[in-house]
Protein backbone atom coordinates (compact mmCIF):
# COMPACT_ATOMS: atom_id res chain seq x y z
CA MET A 1 -15.70 -13.44 -35.58
CA LYS A 2 -16.96 -13.29 -39.11
CA LYS A 3 -15.37 -14.46 -42.70
CA TYR A 4 -15.51 -11.92 -45.33
CA LEU A 5 -14.48 -13.66 -48.78
CA ILE A 6 -13.90 -11.27 -51.64
CA ILE A 7 -13.83 -12.49 -55.19
CA GLY A 8 -11.50 -10.34 -57.04
CA ASN A 9 -8.56 -8.07 -56.27
CA GLY A 10 -9.11 -5.01 -58.55
CA VAL A 11 -10.15 -1.58 -57.02
CA ALA A 12 -13.88 -2.54 -56.03
CA GLY A 13 -12.37 -5.73 -53.95
CA THR A 14 -9.30 -3.70 -52.22
CA THR A 15 -11.36 -0.73 -51.46
CA ALA A 16 -14.01 -2.91 -50.04
CA ALA A 17 -11.24 -5.08 -47.99
CA GLU A 18 -9.91 -1.90 -46.96
CA ASN A 19 -13.61 -0.72 -45.41
CA ILE A 20 -14.12 -3.88 -43.95
CA ARG A 21 -10.88 -3.61 -42.13
CA ALA A 22 -11.98 -0.36 -40.65
CA ASN A 23 -15.43 -1.62 -39.34
CA ASP A 24 -14.25 -4.79 -38.23
CA ALA A 25 -11.10 -5.39 -36.56
CA THR A 26 -11.11 -8.91 -35.99
CA GLY A 27 -13.00 -10.18 -38.94
CA GLU A 28 -11.42 -12.78 -41.09
CA ILE A 29 -10.96 -11.19 -44.78
CA ILE A 30 -9.80 -13.52 -48.02
CA ILE A 31 -9.41 -12.01 -51.19
CA VAL A 32 -9.29 -14.49 -53.99
CA SER A 33 -7.86 -13.54 -57.77
CA ASP A 34 -6.64 -15.53 -60.84
CA GLU A 35 -3.90 -12.95 -61.62
CA ASP A 36 -0.38 -13.18 -60.49
CA ILE A 37 0.19 -10.04 -58.69
CA PRO A 38 -1.32 -7.95 -56.04
CA PHE A 39 -3.79 -5.11 -56.70
CA TYR A 40 -2.50 -3.05 -59.53
CA TYR A 41 -3.39 0.29 -61.18
CA ARG A 42 -4.99 -1.22 -64.27
CA VAL A 43 -5.71 2.27 -65.55
CA ARG A 44 -1.92 2.64 -66.59
CA LEU A 45 -1.82 -0.51 -68.25
CA PRO A 46 -1.15 1.36 -71.48
CA ASP A 47 1.64 3.25 -69.79
CA TYR A 48 3.37 0.09 -69.23
CA LEU A 49 2.71 -0.64 -72.83
CA GLY A 50 4.40 2.12 -74.05
CA GLY A 51 7.44 1.56 -71.82
CA GLY A 52 6.49 4.55 -69.74
CA VAL A 53 6.43 2.80 -66.44
CA ALA A 54 7.99 -0.69 -65.26
CA GLU A 55 5.60 -3.18 -64.20
CA SER A 56 6.60 -2.86 -60.48
CA GLU A 57 5.46 0.56 -60.48
CA LEU A 58 1.84 -0.58 -61.57
CA ILE A 59 1.40 -2.26 -58.08
CA ALA A 60 -1.02 -0.29 -55.80
CA LYS A 61 -0.78 -2.45 -52.98
CA LYS A 62 2.51 -4.49 -51.92
CA GLU A 63 2.17 -7.89 -50.34
CA ALA A 64 3.11 -6.06 -47.00
CA TRP A 65 -0.20 -4.18 -47.00
CA TYR A 66 -2.20 -7.23 -47.21
CA ASP A 67 -0.19 -8.48 -43.77
CA GLU A 68 -0.37 -4.97 -42.20
CA GLN A 69 -4.50 -5.05 -42.69
CA LYS A 70 -4.26 -8.97 -41.86
CA ILE A 71 -5.70 -10.14 -45.13
CA SER A 72 -4.93 -13.17 -46.65
CA LEU A 73 -4.29 -12.79 -50.38
CA ARG A 74 -4.54 -15.70 -52.48
CA LEU A 75 -3.21 -15.23 -56.25
CA ASN A 76 -3.20 -17.27 -59.04
CA THR A 77 -6.70 -18.97 -57.62
CA ARG A 78 -9.66 -19.86 -59.75
CA ILE A 79 -13.26 -20.27 -58.24
CA THR A 80 -14.69 -23.26 -60.40
CA ALA A 81 -17.89 -24.42 -57.99
CA ALA A 82 -20.01 -22.66 -55.26
CA LYS A 83 -22.11 -24.13 -52.72
CA PRO A 84 -24.26 -21.07 -51.47
CA VAL A 85 -26.48 -22.86 -49.19
CA LEU A 86 -23.46 -24.33 -47.26
CA LYS A 87 -21.91 -20.97 -47.87
CA HIS A 88 -18.78 -22.33 -49.65
CA VAL A 89 -16.92 -22.07 -52.67
CA LEU A 90 -14.33 -24.12 -54.55
CA THR A 91 -11.25 -23.35 -56.28
CA ALA A 92 -9.62 -25.02 -59.30
CA ASP A 93 -6.45 -26.43 -56.81
CA GLY A 94 -8.97 -28.25 -54.49
CA LEU A 95 -9.20 -25.43 -51.99
CA ASP A 96 -12.83 -25.31 -50.26
CA LEU A 97 -13.10 -21.70 -48.81
CA ALA A 98 -16.25 -20.82 -46.15
CA TYR A 99 -17.96 -17.57 -46.11
CA ASP A 100 -20.25 -15.54 -43.50
CA ARG A 101 -20.43 -12.98 -46.25
CA LEU A 102 -19.44 -12.70 -50.19
CA LEU A 103 -18.44 -10.11 -52.17
CA LEU A 104 -18.53 -10.85 -55.90
CA ALA A 105 -15.75 -8.17 -57.42
CA ASN A 106 -14.66 -10.25 -60.08
CA GLY A 107 -15.01 -7.54 -63.09
CA SER A 108 -15.58 -7.86 -66.75
CA HIS A 109 -14.07 -9.80 -69.68
CA PRO A 110 -13.10 -7.87 -73.07
CA PHE A 111 -16.32 -7.90 -75.33
CA ILE A 112 -15.19 -9.43 -78.96
CA PRO A 113 -17.42 -8.56 -81.69
CA PRO A 114 -18.49 -11.30 -84.08
CA ILE A 115 -15.20 -10.79 -86.32
CA THR A 116 -13.99 -13.91 -89.00
CA GLY A 117 -10.73 -14.62 -87.54
CA SER A 118 -10.56 -12.93 -84.18
CA GLY A 119 -9.37 -16.03 -82.71
CA MET A 120 -6.43 -15.98 -84.90
CA LYS A 121 -2.73 -15.70 -83.92
CA GLY A 122 -1.60 -11.89 -83.71
CA VAL A 123 -5.20 -11.07 -82.49
CA PHE A 124 -4.93 -9.33 -78.89
CA VAL A 125 -7.25 -7.45 -76.03
CA LEU A 126 -5.69 -5.11 -73.60
CA HIS A 127 -7.18 -5.98 -70.15
CA THR A 128 -4.96 -7.57 -67.94
CA ILE A 129 -1.06 -7.50 -67.48
CA HIS A 130 -1.19 -10.75 -68.75
CA ASP A 131 -2.35 -9.45 -72.12
CA VAL A 132 0.41 -6.31 -71.73
CA ARG A 133 2.92 -9.25 -71.41
CA GLN A 134 1.89 -11.10 -74.49
CA ILE A 135 1.28 -7.70 -76.45
CA SER A 136 4.80 -6.55 -75.85
CA GLN A 137 6.31 -9.72 -76.87
CA ALA A 138 4.50 -9.81 -80.02
CA ALA A 139 4.92 -6.28 -80.91
CA GLU A 140 8.69 -6.72 -81.01
CA LYS A 141 8.54 -8.35 -84.59
CA MET A 142 5.72 -6.50 -85.90
CA SER A 143 5.41 -2.97 -87.51
CA SER A 144 1.58 -2.35 -88.30
CA VAL A 145 -1.28 -2.54 -85.84
CA VAL A 146 -5.17 -2.04 -86.16
CA ILE A 147 -6.90 -1.33 -83.42
CA ILE A 148 -10.65 -2.06 -83.37
CA GLY A 149 -11.69 0.41 -80.94
CA GLY A 150 -11.58 4.30 -80.78
CA GLY A 151 -12.64 4.67 -77.20
CA LEU A 152 -10.44 5.68 -74.53
CA LEU A 153 -8.63 2.36 -74.04
CA GLY A 154 -8.07 1.63 -78.03
CA LEU A 155 -6.77 5.31 -78.33
CA GLU A 156 -4.22 4.76 -75.28
CA ALA A 157 -3.22 1.52 -76.68
CA ALA A 158 -2.60 2.71 -80.12
CA ASN A 159 -0.30 5.52 -78.58
CA ALA A 160 1.52 3.41 -76.57
CA LEU A 161 2.18 1.13 -79.81
CA HIS A 162 2.89 4.59 -81.73
CA LYS A 163 5.76 5.19 -79.29
CA LEU A 164 6.92 1.63 -80.00
CA GLY A 165 7.57 2.65 -83.39
CA LYS A 166 4.57 1.04 -84.77
CA SER A 167 2.17 2.11 -87.74
CA ILE A 168 -1.21 2.70 -86.41
CA THR A 169 -4.58 2.17 -87.78
CA VAL A 170 -7.79 2.92 -85.61
CA VAL A 171 -11.33 1.23 -86.82
CA GLU A 172 -14.28 2.82 -85.11
CA PHE A 173 -17.90 1.78 -85.18
CA PHE A 174 -19.03 5.63 -84.20
CA PRO A 175 -18.53 8.44 -86.89
CA ARG A 176 -16.55 10.17 -84.30
CA LEU A 177 -13.61 9.12 -81.61
CA LEU A 178 -14.26 8.74 -78.03
CA PRO A 179 -18.38 8.63 -78.57
CA ARG A 180 -18.62 8.52 -74.56
CA GLN A 181 -16.42 11.59 -73.64
CA LEU A 182 -16.62 13.86 -76.88
CA ASP A 183 -18.98 15.65 -78.98
CA ASN A 184 -18.65 15.74 -82.65
CA GLU A 185 -16.44 19.40 -82.41
CA GLY A 186 -14.07 17.79 -79.75
CA ALA A 187 -13.37 14.45 -81.30
CA ALA A 188 -12.59 16.12 -84.74
CA ARG A 189 -9.94 18.07 -82.90
CA LEU A 190 -8.84 15.01 -81.11
CA GLN A 191 -8.43 13.29 -84.32
CA HIS A 192 -7.07 16.10 -85.89
CA PHE A 193 -3.88 15.73 -83.07
CA PHE A 194 -3.52 12.55 -83.65
CA GLU A 195 -3.40 12.47 -87.75
CA LYS A 196 -0.76 14.75 -87.05
CA MET A 197 1.34 11.95 -85.55
CA ASN A 198 0.07 9.95 -88.52
CA PHE A 199 -2.00 7.98 -87.08
CA ALA A 200 -5.01 6.75 -89.59
CA PHE A 201 -8.70 6.25 -89.06
CA ARG A 202 -11.83 4.56 -90.33
CA LEU A 203 -14.61 5.98 -88.81
CA GLY A 204 -18.09 4.57 -89.28
CA ALA A 205 -16.81 1.48 -89.86
CA THR A 206 -16.84 -2.09 -88.90
CA ALA A 207 -14.19 -5.08 -89.13
CA ARG A 208 -15.88 -8.15 -90.99
CA GLU A 209 -12.72 -10.25 -91.19
CA ILE A 210 -9.37 -10.72 -89.82
CA ALA A 211 -7.41 -12.73 -92.43
CA GLY A 212 -4.15 -13.98 -92.88
CA GLY A 213 -3.82 -18.07 -91.82
CA ASP A 214 -1.15 -18.72 -89.37
CA GLY A 215 -0.92 -14.88 -88.51
CA VAL A 216 -2.49 -11.58 -89.19
CA LYS A 217 -2.04 -10.08 -92.61
CA GLN A 218 -5.41 -8.11 -93.06
CA VAL A 219 -8.54 -6.86 -91.69
CA ILE A 220 -11.46 -6.83 -94.38
CA LEU A 221 -14.12 -3.83 -93.35
CA GLU A 222 -17.93 -4.49 -94.06
CA ASP A 223 -17.39 -2.21 -97.10
CA GLY A 224 -14.40 -4.14 -98.23
CA ASP A 225 -11.90 -2.11 -97.89
CA VAL A 226 -8.59 -3.96 -96.68
CA LEU A 227 -5.94 -2.82 -94.35
CA GLU A 228 -2.68 -4.07 -94.17
CA ALA A 229 -1.79 -5.48 -90.64
CA GLU A 230 0.57 -7.75 -88.42
CA MET A 231 -1.20 -7.16 -85.25
CA VAL A 232 -4.83 -6.41 -84.46
CA LEU A 233 -6.01 -5.25 -80.78
CA ILE A 234 -9.70 -5.43 -80.19
CA SER A 235 -10.78 -2.74 -77.92
CA ALA A 236 -14.57 -2.84 -77.81
CA GLY A 237 -15.67 -2.64 -74.53
CA VAL A 238 -16.54 -5.06 -71.55
CA ARG A 239 -19.13 -7.19 -70.48
CA PRO A 240 -19.48 -7.95 -66.78
CA ASN A 241 -18.14 -11.78 -65.42
CA LEU A 242 -21.43 -13.67 -64.94
CA GLU A 243 -20.78 -17.30 -64.73
CA LEU A 244 -20.04 -17.40 -61.10
CA ALA A 245 -22.99 -15.28 -60.25
CA LYS A 246 -25.46 -17.55 -61.98
CA THR A 247 -23.96 -20.59 -60.29
CA LEU A 248 -24.59 -18.71 -57.05
CA GLY A 249 -28.16 -18.29 -58.17
CA LEU A 250 -28.56 -14.77 -57.99
CA LYS A 251 -30.44 -12.31 -60.18
CA THR A 252 -28.52 -11.48 -63.51
CA ASP A 253 -29.57 -8.94 -66.63
CA LYS A 254 -26.21 -7.19 -67.77
CA GLY A 255 -24.86 -7.48 -64.94
CA VAL A 256 -25.40 -8.87 -61.29
CA ILE A 257 -28.20 -7.17 -59.95
CA VAL A 258 -27.37 -5.24 -56.64
CA ASN A 259 -29.86 -3.05 -54.36
CA GLN A 260 -28.78 0.56 -53.22
CA TYR A 261 -26.24 -1.08 -50.41
CA MET A 262 -24.32 -3.26 -53.49
CA GLN A 263 -26.57 -6.76 -51.87
CA THR A 264 -27.11 -8.94 -54.64
CA SER A 265 -30.47 -11.06 -54.65
CA GLN A 266 -28.94 -13.15 -51.57
CA PRO A 267 -28.67 -10.65 -48.93
CA ASP A 268 -25.29 -12.45 -47.65
CA ILE A 269 -24.04 -12.03 -50.95
CA TYR A 270 -22.73 -8.36 -52.04
CA ALA A 271 -20.86 -7.57 -55.45
CA ALA A 272 -19.24 -4.43 -56.68
CA GLY A 273 -17.01 -2.84 -59.45
CA ASP A 274 -17.62 -3.75 -63.05
CA VAL A 275 -19.96 -6.90 -62.83
CA ILE A 276 -22.49 -5.48 -61.23
CA GLU A 277 -25.64 -3.73 -62.99
CA PHE A 278 -27.60 -1.00 -60.47
CA GLU A 279 -30.67 0.55 -61.34
CA ARG A 280 -30.49 -1.01 -65.10
CA ARG A 281 -26.84 0.53 -65.58
CA THR A 282 -23.48 -0.84 -65.65
CA TYR A 283 -20.32 1.43 -65.47
CA GLY A 284 -17.22 -0.35 -66.48
CA ILE A 285 -14.93 2.70 -65.05
CA TRP A 286 -12.20 3.14 -62.02
CA PRO A 287 -14.45 5.76 -60.16
CA ALA A 288 -17.55 3.91 -60.18
CA ALA A 289 -16.01 0.26 -58.80
CA MET A 290 -13.89 2.21 -56.15
CA GLU A 291 -17.23 4.10 -54.83
CA GLN A 292 -19.00 0.49 -55.14
CA GLY A 293 -16.10 -0.95 -52.84
CA LYS A 294 -16.48 1.35 -50.39
CA ILE A 295 -20.12 1.26 -50.10
CA ALA A 296 -20.05 -2.62 -50.35
CA GLY A 297 -17.35 -2.71 -47.89
CA ILE A 298 -19.20 -0.74 -45.04
CA ASN A 299 -22.39 -2.37 -45.47
CA ILE A 300 -21.28 -5.85 -45.63
CA SER A 301 -19.53 -5.36 -42.19
CA GLY A 302 -22.59 -3.78 -40.63
CA GLY A 303 -23.01 -0.39 -42.32
CA LYS A 304 -26.18 0.77 -44.01
CA VAL A 305 -24.97 3.58 -46.42
CA PRO A 306 -26.80 3.90 -50.11
CA TYR A 307 -25.24 4.05 -53.31
CA ALA A 308 -26.97 6.39 -55.75
CA GLY A 309 -25.36 5.74 -58.47
CA THR A 310 -21.80 7.50 -60.15
CA ILE A 311 -22.15 10.26 -62.69
CA LEU A 312 -19.93 9.37 -65.46
CA SER A 313 -16.61 11.70 -65.17
CA ASN A 314 -13.47 11.21 -66.55
CA ILE A 315 -9.77 12.84 -66.05
CA LEU A 316 -6.69 11.95 -68.23
CA LYS A 317 -4.21 12.48 -71.03
CA VAL A 318 -4.90 11.14 -74.40
CA ALA A 319 -1.59 10.86 -76.09
CA GLY A 320 -0.37 13.44 -73.78
CA ILE A 321 -3.64 16.00 -74.55
CA ASP A 322 -5.49 17.05 -71.05
CA LEU A 323 -8.82 15.35 -70.92
CA ALA A 324 -11.86 16.17 -68.75
CA SER A 325 -15.18 15.26 -69.52
CA ALA A 326 -18.67 14.62 -67.08
CA GLY A 327 -22.14 13.96 -66.80
CA GLU A 328 -24.39 14.94 -70.36
CA ILE A 329 -21.84 15.75 -73.18
CA ASP A 330 -25.00 16.41 -75.51
CA ALA A 331 -23.66 15.36 -78.53
CA GLU A 332 -27.32 15.93 -80.36
CA ASN A 333 -27.00 19.64 -79.28
CA ARG A 334 -30.24 19.49 -77.34
CA TYR A 335 -29.43 21.89 -74.51
CA MET A 336 -27.97 24.87 -74.28
CA SER A 337 -24.32 25.29 -74.00
CA LYS A 338 -21.56 27.60 -73.43
CA ILE A 339 -18.28 26.80 -75.67
CA ARG A 340 -14.78 28.46 -75.73
CA ALA A 341 -12.31 26.85 -78.56
CA SER A 342 -8.91 27.74 -79.97
CA GLU A 343 -6.85 25.70 -82.18
CA ASP A 344 -5.74 23.70 -79.38
CA MET A 345 -8.28 23.80 -76.87
CA TYR A 346 -11.83 23.24 -76.90
CA LYS A 347 -14.24 23.49 -73.74
CA LYS A 348 -18.00 23.16 -73.25
CA VAL A 349 -20.64 23.32 -70.46
CA VAL A 350 -23.90 22.21 -70.88
CA ILE A 351 -26.87 23.54 -68.85
CA ASP A 352 -30.28 22.34 -68.44
CA ASN A 353 -32.82 24.74 -66.60
CA GLY A 354 -30.24 26.78 -65.47
CA ARG A 355 -28.14 24.23 -63.93
CA VAL A 356 -24.80 22.42 -65.37
CA ILE A 357 -25.05 19.14 -66.21
CA GLY A 358 -22.27 18.25 -68.24
CA CYS A 359 -18.97 19.45 -69.59
CA ILE A 360 -16.08 18.63 -71.77
CA MET A 361 -12.58 19.95 -71.72
CA LEU A 362 -10.02 19.08 -74.30
CA GLY A 363 -6.51 20.78 -74.13
CA ASP A 364 -6.96 22.50 -71.09
CA ARG A 365 -8.91 20.95 -67.82
CA LYS A 366 -8.59 24.03 -65.36
CA ASN A 367 -11.21 24.51 -63.20
CA PHE A 368 -12.55 20.78 -64.48
CA ASN A 369 -13.11 20.26 -60.78
CA ARG A 370 -15.38 23.11 -59.74
CA ILE A 371 -17.16 22.45 -62.35
CA ASN A 372 -17.63 18.92 -61.90
CA LYS A 373 -18.45 19.62 -58.12
CA ALA A 374 -21.51 21.50 -59.50
CA ILE A 375 -22.67 18.87 -62.02
CA ASN A 376 -22.60 16.02 -59.10
CA THR A 377 -24.04 18.67 -56.26
CA GLY A 378 -26.40 20.57 -58.47
CA GLU A 379 -24.67 23.79 -57.54
CA ASN A 380 -25.69 26.69 -59.27
CA ILE A 381 -22.67 28.44 -61.06
CA LEU A 382 -24.00 30.34 -63.83
CA GLU A 383 -22.28 33.25 -62.67
CA GLU A 384 -19.02 31.87 -62.44
CA LEU A 385 -19.15 30.11 -65.90
CA ASP A 386 -17.72 32.44 -67.86
CA SER A 387 -14.35 33.06 -65.92
CA LEU A 388 -14.29 29.46 -65.09
CA LEU A 389 -14.15 28.86 -69.03
CA ASN A 390 -11.62 31.74 -69.71
CA GLY A 391 -9.35 30.69 -66.47
């Protein structure tokens, strides 16, 4: 009977565990997590912050599921040391866990830019349910918030805090919002929508200092401008958690380097999710982590399924606006494109050599799945495009 040890109880680790159990009905599966609740929908944390869902509604796999799958879940458990030659890891509370196959799915941590005062009371990140609990408690006494980062999570957090009655200013290094999902035209429309809700924006700007002494009072920008604030939320992306991988002697660069079978530089150790680097790329998105977890789970339990990478795509609502994007958004206008736009809608399909390679759908994402399928498969849908965009 094989012993499978999974470090991390997010979407990659949990999906891997499901697929291990499907392949190996008798193997021992242990999942170790440093959090205090079972697998939950991390992507819904902004909804929880804004009061849209209860904490119990975030939980994706209740404890009964782990029992049914014969998976041992160890919460509030942190790995502090490893003995890769002996195939053992040690926990902070003294447990010695043996394994035959090890999966690292221990995710990422928020990147904190070099801003003076970033460790001050009143400065937060939004990455775990623990973070939301802290932000919610602090926000009860504060009315003005500066969000550093105008990406997806930053805007969703901004909208959640706006729902709680807070005054919001977003500071973004790039000259447009959602630089990974929107081109200039789409971002301008989204910004206009937020501005109608009294959000303020400082684009192409960098925070130099968070000032206030015993608590946040101001954010000082590189150009010397001063923003008044009682709370700061930093949303500047994530970085893979590499400490354990390095302890295990694995090859790392930006992330833990894996091959197409999700194996690390040690064949009995696999990795999946935010922690990995595949073909010089990290992902940091839920769909990629799920796909990688599935493939890692199959392969760690005897399969041989290759991973070919994940085309970036997002389907979500940003402050109630439908948004979907996939593939090459072509913000630099290097390719041909078809565009449909109105006051409350913007659609763009990017074309290269007769093939759809990307799209943006803001305000109306009808037919996105059909277009996204073509992006992933290379299917020629040029004759359908007009009807798909007008539909």
